[in-house]
Amino acid sequence: MESERVAAEKEVQENQDRLKKLELDRLDIEAAERELEMRKRMLHDAEKEPDHGDNVDDNVDDDMSMSVSGVPMVCDYSTLFDTH
């Protein structure tokens, strides 16, 4: 009798543990879905914002030098101060 009661209690505990794990998994999935939805909205909002060119200049390299197709522009200083 005692072993049957212990086995039944163990089965109940295992079922409760399984249900708790399923509930935690469900909550994790819901949180991940909310995160994904938030990121999708942010991306959508960023894509629909007009580009006024205030922050981005496609012809400016990271080092702030001007370039065309990745080739740095060279300035001929001799033509800047032509005194002739």
Protein backbone atom coordinates (compact mmCIF):
# COMPACT_ATOMS: atom_id res chain seq x y z
CA MET A 1 0.00 0.00 0.00
CA GLU A 2 2.73 2.44 0.95
CA SER A 3 4.64 1.84 -2.28
CA GLU A 4 1.43 2.45 -4.30
CA ARG A 5 0.89 5.77 -2.49
CA VAL A 6 4.51 6.82 -3.08
CA ALA A 7 4.22 5.85 -6.77
CA ALA A 8 0.97 7.82 -7.09
CA GLU A 9 2.51 10.87 -5.39
CA LYS A 10 5.54 10.60 -7.65
CA GLU A 11 3.28 10.46 -10.71
CA VAL A 12 1.33 13.51 -9.53
CA GLN A 13 4.57 15.40 -8.90
CA GLU A 14 5.92 14.46 -12.35
CA ASN A 15 2.68 15.63 -13.98
CA GLN A 16 2.83 18.91 -12.07
CA ASP A 17 6.47 19.40 -13.09
CA ARG A 18 5.62 18.66 -16.73
CA LEU A 19 2.70 21.13 -16.67
CA LYS A 20 4.88 23.77 -15.03
CA LYS A 21 7.56 23.29 -17.70
CA LEU A 22 4.94 23.55 -20.46
CA GLU A 23 3.61 26.77 -18.92
CA LEU A 24 7.12 28.25 -18.68
CA ASP A 25 7.79 27.26 -22.30
CA ARG A 26 4.52 28.92 -23.36
CA LEU A 27 5.48 32.11 -21.52
CA ASP A 28 8.94 32.07 -23.14
CA ILE A 29 7.36 31.66 -26.58
CA GLU A 30 4.93 34.52 -25.94
CA ALA A 31 7.79 36.77 -24.81
CA ALA A 32 9.81 35.89 -27.91
CA GLU A 33 6.78 36.59 -30.12
CA ARG A 34 6.29 40.00 -28.48
CA GLU A 35 9.99 40.79 -28.97
CA LEU A 36 9.79 39.78 -32.63
CA GLU A 37 6.65 41.85 -33.17
CA MET A 38 8.32 44.88 -31.55
CA ARG A 39 11.39 44.49 -33.79
CA LYS A 40 9.19 44.13 -36.87
CA ARG A 41 7.32 47.33 -35.96
CA MET A 42 10.60 49.19 -35.39
CA LEU A 43 11.93 48.02 -38.76
CA HIS A 44 8.68 48.97 -40.48
CA ASP A 45 8.72 52.40 -38.84
CA ALA A 46 12.35 52.94 -39.81
CA GLU A 47 11.63 51.98 -43.41
CA LYS A 48 8.69 54.35 -43.77
CA GLU A 49 10.50 57.40 -42.31
CA PRO A 50 11.46 59.85 -45.04
CA ASP A 51 15.16 60.14 -45.75
CA HIS A 52 16.00 63.81 -45.61
CA GLY A 53 19.70 63.14 -45.94
CA ASP A 54 20.37 64.77 -42.59
CA ASN A 55 22.26 61.86 -41.09
CA VAL A 56 23.47 59.90 -44.07
CA ASP A 57 25.66 60.98 -46.95
CA ASP A 58 26.41 58.12 -49.30
CA ASN A 59 29.54 59.87 -50.59
CA VAL A 60 31.17 60.31 -47.18
CA ASP A 61 33.42 57.54 -45.91
CA ASP A 62 33.69 56.57 -42.25
CA ASP A 63 36.79 58.73 -41.92
CA MET A 64 34.71 61.70 -43.19
CA SER A 65 36.65 61.97 -46.46
CA MET A 66 34.63 62.36 -49.63
CA SER A 67 34.76 59.56 -52.14
CA VAL A 68 33.10 58.28 -55.26
CA SER A 69 32.53 54.54 -55.29
CA GLY A 70 34.98 54.07 -52.45
CA VAL A 71 37.85 55.92 -54.16
CA PRO A 72 39.15 58.83 -52.05
CA MET A 73 39.13 62.19 -53.80
CA VAL A 74 42.48 63.88 -54.24
CA CYS A 75 42.80 67.65 -54.05
CA ASP A 76 45.36 69.34 -56.27
CA TYR A 77 46.54 72.14 -53.97
CA SER A 78 48.49 73.80 -56.77
CA THR A 79 45.23 74.91 -58.40
CA LEU A 80 43.75 76.35 -55.20
CA PHE A 81 46.06 79.33 -54.93
CA ASP A 82 46.80 80.10 -58.54
CA THR A 83 48.40 83.56 -58.48
CA HIS A 84 49.09 83.86 -62.20
